[in-house]
């Protein structure tokens, strides 16, 4: 669950809810505060290392300093 670790290590101070949904046939979805951030079902592939964190930064990270900086 490196996606969860990446998000929480960098943005635990701004994430209220982080949900990782797994299901049959390798379904892997990441929702942040109720909004879909990444879906393996939609992309047809697993996220690359750091990809979920990059998507979070693009969507929510503007003006947010990562935790501990």
PDB file of N, CA and C in Angstrom:
ATOM      1  N   UNK A   1       0.822  -1.192   0.000  1.00  0.00           N
ATOM      2  CA  UNK A   1       0.000   0.000   0.000  1.00  0.00           C
ATOM      3  C   UNK A   1       0.865   1.254   0.000  1.00  0.00           C
ATOM      4  N   UNK A   2       1.805   1.307  -0.916  1.00  0.00           N
ATOM      5  CA  UNK A   2       2.674   2.476  -0.981  1.00  0.00           C
ATOM      6  C   UNK A   2       1.910   3.746  -1.322  1.00  0.00           C
ATOM      7  N   UNK A   3       0.796   3.631  -2.054  1.00  0.00           N
ATOM      8  CA  UNK A   3       0.000   4.818  -2.381  1.00  0.00           C
ATOM      9  C   UNK A   3      -0.516   5.468  -1.105  1.00  0.00           C
ATOM     10  N   UNK A   4      -1.042   4.677  -0.189  1.00  0.00           N
ATOM     11  CA  UNK A   4      -1.547   5.210   1.085  1.00  0.00           C
ATOM     12  C   UNK A   4      -0.408   5.797   1.901  1.00  0.00           C
ATOM     13  N   UNK A   5       0.707   5.095   1.954  1.00  0.00           N
ATOM     14  CA  UNK A   5       1.857   5.599   2.704  1.00  0.00           C
ATOM     15  C   UNK A   5       2.356   6.921   2.142  1.00  0.00           C
ATOM     16  N   UNK A   6       2.444   7.012   0.810  1.00  0.00           N
ATOM     17  CA  UNK A   6       2.887   8.261   0.166  1.00  0.00           C
ATOM     18  C   UNK A   6       1.965   9.421   0.534  1.00  0.00           C
ATOM     19  N   UNK A   7       0.654   9.194   0.401  1.00  0.00           N
ATOM     20  CA  UNK A   7      -0.309  10.254   0.685  1.00  0.00           C
ATOM     21  C   UNK A   7      -0.273  10.686   2.141  1.00  0.00           C
ATOM     22  N   UNK A   8      -0.283   9.711   3.042  1.00  0.00           N
ATOM     23  CA  UNK A   8      -0.323  10.057   4.458  1.00  0.00           C
ATOM     24  C   UNK A   8       0.991  10.644   4.963  1.00  0.00           C
ATOM     25  N   UNK A   9       2.104  10.182   4.427  1.00  0.00           N
ATOM     26  CA  UNK A   9       3.394  10.735   4.845  1.00  0.00           C
ATOM     27  C   UNK A   9       3.530  12.207   4.445  1.00  0.00           C
ATOM     28  N   UNK A  10       2.922  12.575   3.320  1.00  0.00           N
ATOM     29  CA  UNK A  10       3.064  13.937   2.810  1.00  0.00           C
ATOM     30  C   UNK A  10       1.899  14.868   3.105  1.00  0.00           C
ATOM     31  N   UNK A  11       0.687  14.308   3.259  1.00  0.00           N
ATOM     32  CA  UNK A  11      -0.503  15.162   3.365  1.00  0.00           C
ATOM     33  C   UNK A  11      -1.482  14.740   4.457  1.00  0.00           C
ATOM     34  N   UNK A  12      -0.984  14.069   5.484  1.00  0.00           N
ATOM     35  CA  UNK A  12      -1.869  13.642   6.562  1.00  0.00           C
ATOM     36  C   UNK A  12      -2.567  14.812   7.248  1.00  0.00           C
ATOM     37  N   UNK A  13      -1.986  15.976   7.177  1.00  0.00           N
ATOM     38  CA  UNK A  13      -2.543  17.157   7.834  1.00  0.00           C
ATOM     39  C   UNK A  13      -3.700  17.786   7.060  1.00  0.00           C
ATOM     40  N   UNK A  14      -3.951  17.340   5.814  1.00  0.00           N
ATOM     41  CA  UNK A  14      -5.055  17.902   5.037  1.00  0.00           C
ATOM     42  C   UNK A  14      -6.060  16.859   4.554  1.00  0.00           C
ATOM     43  N   UNK A  15      -5.775  15.581   4.752  1.00  0.00           N
ATOM     44  CA  UNK A  15      -6.687  14.513   4.326  1.00  0.00           C
ATOM     45  C   UNK A  15      -7.569  14.132   5.501  1.00  0.00           C
ATOM     46  N   UNK A  16      -8.880  14.273   5.330  1.00  0.00           N
ATOM     47  CA  UNK A  16      -9.825  13.848   6.362  1.00  0.00           C
ATOM     48  C   UNK A  16     -10.083  12.355   6.271  1.00  0.00           C
ATOM     49  N   UNK A  17     -10.269  11.852   5.064  1.00  0.00           N
ATOM     50  CA  UNK A  17     -10.587  10.444   4.863  1.00  0.00           C
ATOM     51  C   UNK A  17      -9.838   9.921   3.651  1.00  0.00           C
ATOM     52  N   UNK A  18      -9.174   8.781   3.820  1.00  0.00           N
ATOM     53  CA  UNK A  18      -8.485   8.115   2.729  1.00  0.00           C
ATOM     54  C   UNK A  18      -9.044   6.703   2.648  1.00  0.00           C
ATOM     55  N   UNK A  19      -9.592   6.333   1.493  1.00  0.00           N
ATOM     56  CA  UNK A  19     -10.179   5.017   1.322  1.00  0.00           C
ATOM     57  C   UNK A  19      -9.512   4.305   0.169  1.00  0.00           C
ATOM     58  N   UNK A  20      -9.046   3.100   0.423  1.00  0.00           N
ATOM     59  CA  UNK A  20      -8.492   2.252  -0.623  1.00  0.00           C
ATOM     60  C   UNK A  20      -9.457   1.093  -0.792  1.00  0.00           C
ATOM     61  N   UNK A  21     -10.076   0.993  -1.948  1.00  0.00           N
ATOM     62  CA  UNK A  21     -11.032  -0.071  -2.214  1.00  0.00           C
ATOM     63  C   UNK A  21     -10.378  -1.126  -3.079  1.00  0.00           C
ATOM     64  N   UNK A  22     -10.370  -2.355  -2.575  1.00  0.00           N
ATOM     65  CA  UNK A  22      -9.890  -3.472  -3.370  1.00  0.00           C
ATOM     66  C   UNK A  22     -11.072  -4.403  -3.597  1.00  0.00           C
ATOM     67  N   UNK A  23     -11.036  -5.124  -4.665  1.00  0.00           N
ATOM     68  CA  UNK A  23     -12.142  -6.016  -4.962  1.00  0.00           C
ATOM     69  C   UNK A  23     -11.689  -7.150  -5.843  1.00  0.00           C
ATOM     70  N   UNK A  24     -12.643  -7.787  -6.473  1.00  0.00           N
ATOM     71  CA  UNK A  24     -12.332  -8.920  -7.317  1.00  0.00           C
ATOM     72  C   UNK A  24     -11.560  -8.482  -8.549  1.00  0.00           C
ATOM     73  N   UNK A  25     -10.799  -9.396  -9.081  1.00  0.00           N
ATOM     74  CA  UNK A  25     -10.012  -9.174 -10.306  1.00  0.00           C
ATOM     75  C   UNK A  25      -9.027  -8.018 -10.172  1.00  0.00           C
ATOM     76  N   UNK A  26      -8.507  -7.773  -8.973  1.00  0.00           N
ATOM     77  CA  UNK A  26      -7.468  -6.779  -8.779  1.00  0.00           C
ATOM     78  C   UNK A  26      -7.923  -5.335  -8.815  1.00  0.00           C
ATOM     79  N   UNK A  27      -9.199  -5.101  -8.549  1.00  0.00           N
ATOM     80  CA  UNK A  27      -9.703  -3.730  -8.526  1.00  0.00           C
ATOM     81  C   UNK A  27      -8.948  -2.946  -7.463  1.00  0.00           C
ATOM     82  N   UNK A  28      -8.535  -1.745  -7.808  1.00  0.00           N
ATOM     83  CA  UNK A  28      -7.803  -0.889  -6.880  1.00  0.00           C
ATOM     84  C   UNK A  28      -8.208   0.545  -7.148  1.00  0.00           C
ATOM     85  N   UNK A  29      -8.967   1.122  -6.223  1.00  0.00           N
ATOM     86  CA  UNK A  29      -9.418   2.499  -6.338  1.00  0.00           C
ATOM     87  C   UNK A  29      -8.936   3.288  -5.133  1.00  0.00           C
ATOM     88  N   UNK A  30      -8.568   4.526  -5.351  1.00  0.00           N
ATOM     89  CA  UNK A  30      -8.141   5.410  -4.267  1.00  0.00           C
ATOM     90  C   UNK A  30      -9.084   6.610  -4.246  1.00  0.00           C
ATOM     91  N   UNK A  31      -9.748   6.803  -3.108  1.00  0.00           N
ATOM     92  CA  UNK A  31     -10.618   7.959  -2.922  1.00  0.00           C
ATOM     93  C   UNK A  31     -10.055   8.823  -1.807  1.00  0.00           C
ATOM     94  N   UNK A  32     -10.077  10.122  -2.010  1.00  0.00           N
ATOM     95  CA  UNK A  32      -9.641  11.072  -0.998  1.00  0.00           C
ATOM     96  C   UNK A  32     -10.803  12.001  -0.713  1.00  0.00           C
ATOM     97  N   UNK A  33     -11.207  12.030   0.544  1.00  0.00           N
ATOM     98  CA  UNK A  33     -12.326  12.872   0.967  1.00  0.00           C
ATOM     99  C   UNK A  33     -13.543  12.691   0.061  1.00  0.00           C
ATOM    100  N   UNK A  34     -13.809  11.432  -0.309  1.00  0.00           N
ATOM    101  CA  UNK A  34     -14.993  11.097  -1.090  1.00  0.00           C
ATOM    102  C   UNK A  34     -14.876  11.276  -2.584  1.00  0.00           C
ATOM    103  N   UNK A  35     -13.727  11.722  -3.077  1.00  0.00           N
ATOM    104  CA  UNK A  35     -13.533  11.919  -4.517  1.00  0.00           C
ATOM    105  C   UNK A  35     -12.535  10.899  -5.060  1.00  0.00           C
ATOM    106  N   UNK A  36     -12.888  10.272  -6.196  1.00  0.00           N
ATOM    107  CA  UNK A  36     -12.011   9.294  -6.818  1.00  0.00           C
ATOM    108  C   UNK A  36     -10.730   9.976  -7.299  1.00  0.00           C
ATOM    109  N   UNK A  37      -9.609   9.449  -6.855  1.00  0.00           N
ATOM    110  CA  UNK A  37      -8.321   9.993  -7.266  1.00  0.00           C
ATOM    111  C   UNK A  37      -7.674   9.098  -8.321  1.00  0.00           C
ATOM    112  N   UNK A  38      -7.771   7.786  -8.132  1.00  0.00           N
ATOM    113  CA  UNK A  38      -7.207   6.841  -9.090  1.00  0.00           C
ATOM    114  C   UNK A  38      -8.061   5.588  -9.115  1.00  0.00           C
ATOM    115  N   UNK A  39      -8.279   5.054 -10.290  1.00  0.00           N
ATOM    116  CA  UNK A  39      -9.049   3.830 -10.441  1.00  0.00           C
ATOM    117  C   UNK A  39      -8.357   2.905 -11.437  1.00  0.00           C
ATOM    118  N   UNK A  40      -7.964   1.732 -10.952  1.00  0.00           N
ATOM    119  CA  UNK A  40      -7.382   0.739 -11.851  1.00  0.00           C
ATOM    120  C   UNK A  40      -8.430   0.288 -12.860  1.00  0.00           C
ATOM    121  N   UNK A  41      -9.667   0.205 -12.425  1.00  0.00           N
ATOM    122  CA  UNK A  41     -10.744  -0.198 -13.325  1.00  0.00           C
ATOM    123  C   UNK A  41     -10.843   0.771 -14.512  1.00  0.00           C
ATOM    124  N   UNK A  42     -10.720   2.062 -14.237  1.00  0.00           N
ATOM    125  CA  UNK A  42     -10.841   3.066 -15.298  1.00  0.00           C
ATOM    126  C   UNK A  42      -9.609   3.091 -16.207  1.00  0.00           C
ATOM    127  N   UNK A  43      -8.418   2.896 -15.625  1.00  0.00           N
ATOM    128  CA  UNK A  43      -7.187   2.985 -16.415  1.00  0.00           C
ATOM    129  C   UNK A  43      -6.775   1.654 -17.022  1.00  0.00           C
ATOM    130  N   UNK A  44      -7.249   0.558 -16.419  1.00  0.00           N
ATOM    131  CA  UNK A  44      -6.882  -0.768 -16.902  1.00  0.00           C
ATOM    132  C   UNK A  44      -5.490  -1.206 -16.498  1.00  0.00           C
ATOM    133  N   UNK A  45      -4.907  -0.521 -15.525  1.00  0.00           N
ATOM    134  CA  UNK A  45      -3.541  -0.869 -15.087  1.00  0.00           C
ATOM    135  C   UNK A  45      -3.331  -0.434 -13.638  1.00  0.00           C
ATOM    136  N   UNK A  46      -2.306  -1.005 -13.017  1.00  0.00           N
ATOM    137  CA  UNK A  46      -1.911  -0.562 -11.681  1.00  0.00           C
ATOM    138  C   UNK A  46      -1.226   0.799 -11.786  1.00  0.00           C
ATOM    139  N   UNK A  47      -1.316   1.571 -10.742  1.00  0.00           N
ATOM    140  CA  UNK A  47      -0.618   2.863 -10.693  1.00  0.00           C
ATOM    141  C   UNK A  47       0.884   2.621 -10.618  1.00  0.00           C
ATOM    142  N   UNK A  48       1.631   3.459 -11.282  1.00  0.00           N
ATOM    143  CA  UNK A  48       3.092   3.417 -11.199  1.00  0.00           C
ATOM    144  C   UNK A  48       3.511   3.964  -9.826  1.00  0.00           C
ATOM    145  N   UNK A  49       4.701   3.584  -9.336  1.00  0.00           N
ATOM    146  CA  UNK A  49       5.165   4.137  -8.059  1.00  0.00           C
ATOM    147  C   UNK A  49       5.166   5.664  -8.099  1.00  0.00           C
ATOM    148  N   UNK A  50       4.566   6.272  -7.108  1.00  0.00           N
ATOM    149  CA  UNK A  50       4.507   7.723  -7.008  1.00  0.00           C
ATOM    150  C   UNK A  50       3.397   8.376  -7.817  1.00  0.00           C
ATOM    151  N   UNK A  51       2.699   7.612  -8.651  1.00  0.00           N
ATOM    152  CA  UNK A  51       1.673   8.181  -9.524  1.00  0.00           C
ATOM    153  C   UNK A  51       0.480   8.733  -8.737  1.00  0.00           C
ATOM    154  N   UNK A  52       0.023   8.002  -7.728  1.00  0.00           N
ATOM    155  CA  UNK A  52      -1.123   8.459  -6.940  1.00  0.00           C
ATOM    156  C   UNK A  52      -0.768   9.740  -6.190  1.00  0.00           C
ATOM    157  N   UNK A  53       0.436   9.803  -5.649  1.00  0.00           N
ATOM    158  CA  UNK A  53       0.883  11.016  -4.963  1.00  0.00           C
ATOM    159  C   UNK A  53       0.941  12.191  -5.940  1.00  0.00           C
ATOM    160  N   UNK A  54       1.421  11.948  -7.139  1.00  0.00           N
ATOM    161  CA  UNK A  54       1.479  12.994  -8.159  1.00  0.00           C
ATOM    162  C   UNK A  54       0.079  13.489  -8.523  1.00  0.00           C
ATOM    163  N   UNK A  55      -0.864  12.574  -8.671  1.00  0.00           N
ATOM    164  CA  UNK A  55      -2.248  12.956  -8.966  1.00  0.00           C
ATOM    165  C   UNK A  55      -2.840  13.788  -7.829  1.00  0.00           C
ATOM    166  N   UNK A  56      -2.530  13.411  -6.594  1.00  0.00           N
ATOM    167  CA  UNK A  56      -3.013  14.173  -5.440  1.00  0.00           C
ATOM    168  C   UNK A  56      -2.457  15.589  -5.474  1.00  0.00           C
ATOM    169  N   UNK A  57      -1.162  15.696  -5.719  1.00  0.00           N
ATOM    170  CA  UNK A  57      -0.529  17.025  -5.759  1.00  0.00           C
ATOM    171  C   UNK A  57      -1.141  17.901  -6.845  1.00  0.00           C
ATOM    172  N   UNK A  58      -1.415  17.322  -8.010  1.00  0.00           N
ATOM    173  CA  UNK A  58      -2.035  18.082  -9.095  1.00  0.00           C
ATOM    174  C   UNK A  58      -3.418  18.592  -8.711  1.00  0.00           C
ATOM    175  N   UNK A  59      -4.195  17.742  -8.032  1.00  0.00           N
ATOM    176  CA  UNK A  59      -5.580  18.083  -7.730  1.00  0.00           C
ATOM    177  C   UNK A  59      -5.731  18.918  -6.471  1.00  0.00           C
ATOM    178  N   UNK A  60      -4.958  18.598  -5.423  1.00  0.00           N
ATOM    179  CA  UNK A  60      -5.169  19.217  -4.117  1.00  0.00           C
ATOM    180  C   UNK A  60      -3.964  19.962  -3.562  1.00  0.00           C
ATOM    181  N   UNK A  61      -2.806  19.757  -4.145  1.00  0.00           N
ATOM    182  CA  UNK A  61      -1.579  20.223  -3.530  1.00  0.00           C
ATOM    183  C   UNK A  61      -1.190  21.673  -3.750  1.00  0.00           C
ATOM    184  N   UNK A  62      -1.886  22.377  -4.611  1.00  0.00           N
ATOM    185  CA  UNK A  62      -1.529  23.767  -4.872  1.00  0.00           C
ATOM    186  C   UNK A  62      -1.596  24.575  -3.582  1.00  0.00           C
ATOM    187  N   UNK A  63      -0.483  25.127  -3.201  1.00  0.00           N
ATOM    188  CA  UNK A  63      -0.427  25.950  -2.003  1.00  0.00           C
ATOM    189  C   UNK A  63      -0.391  25.187  -0.697  1.00  0.00           C
ATOM    190  N   UNK A  64      -0.294  23.837  -0.765  1.00  0.00           N
ATOM    191  CA  UNK A  64      -0.240  23.032   0.453  1.00  0.00           C
ATOM    192  C   UNK A  64       1.172  22.523   0.645  1.00  0.00           C
ATOM    193  N   UNK A  65       1.769  22.882   1.743  1.00  0.00           N
ATOM    194  CA  UNK A  65       3.120  22.411   2.063  1.00  0.00           C
ATOM    195  C   UNK A  65       3.039  20.978   2.582  1.00  0.00           C
ATOM    196  N   UNK A  66       3.839  20.059   2.033  1.00  0.00           N
ATOM    197  CA  UNK A  66       3.829  18.701   2.548  1.00  0.00           C
ATOM    198  C   UNK A  66       4.129  18.657   4.052  1.00  0.00           C
ATOM    199  N   UNK A  67       3.573  17.670   4.715  1.00  0.00           N
ATOM    200  CA  UNK A  67       3.707  17.504   6.152  1.00  0.00           C
ATOM    201  C   UNK A  67       5.181  17.479   6.553  1.00  0.00           C
ATOM    202  N   UNK A  68       5.530  18.215   7.572  1.00  0.00           N
ATOM    203  CA  UNK A  68       6.873  18.222   8.119  1.00  0.00           C
ATOM    204  C   UNK A  68       7.847  19.165   7.439  1.00  0.00           C
ATOM    205  N   UNK A  69       7.398  19.885   6.426  1.00  0.00           N
ATOM    206  CA  UNK A  69       8.310  20.830   5.751  1.00  0.00           C
ATOM    207  C   UNK A  69       8.087  22.230   6.239  1.00  0.00           C
TER     208      UNK A  69
END
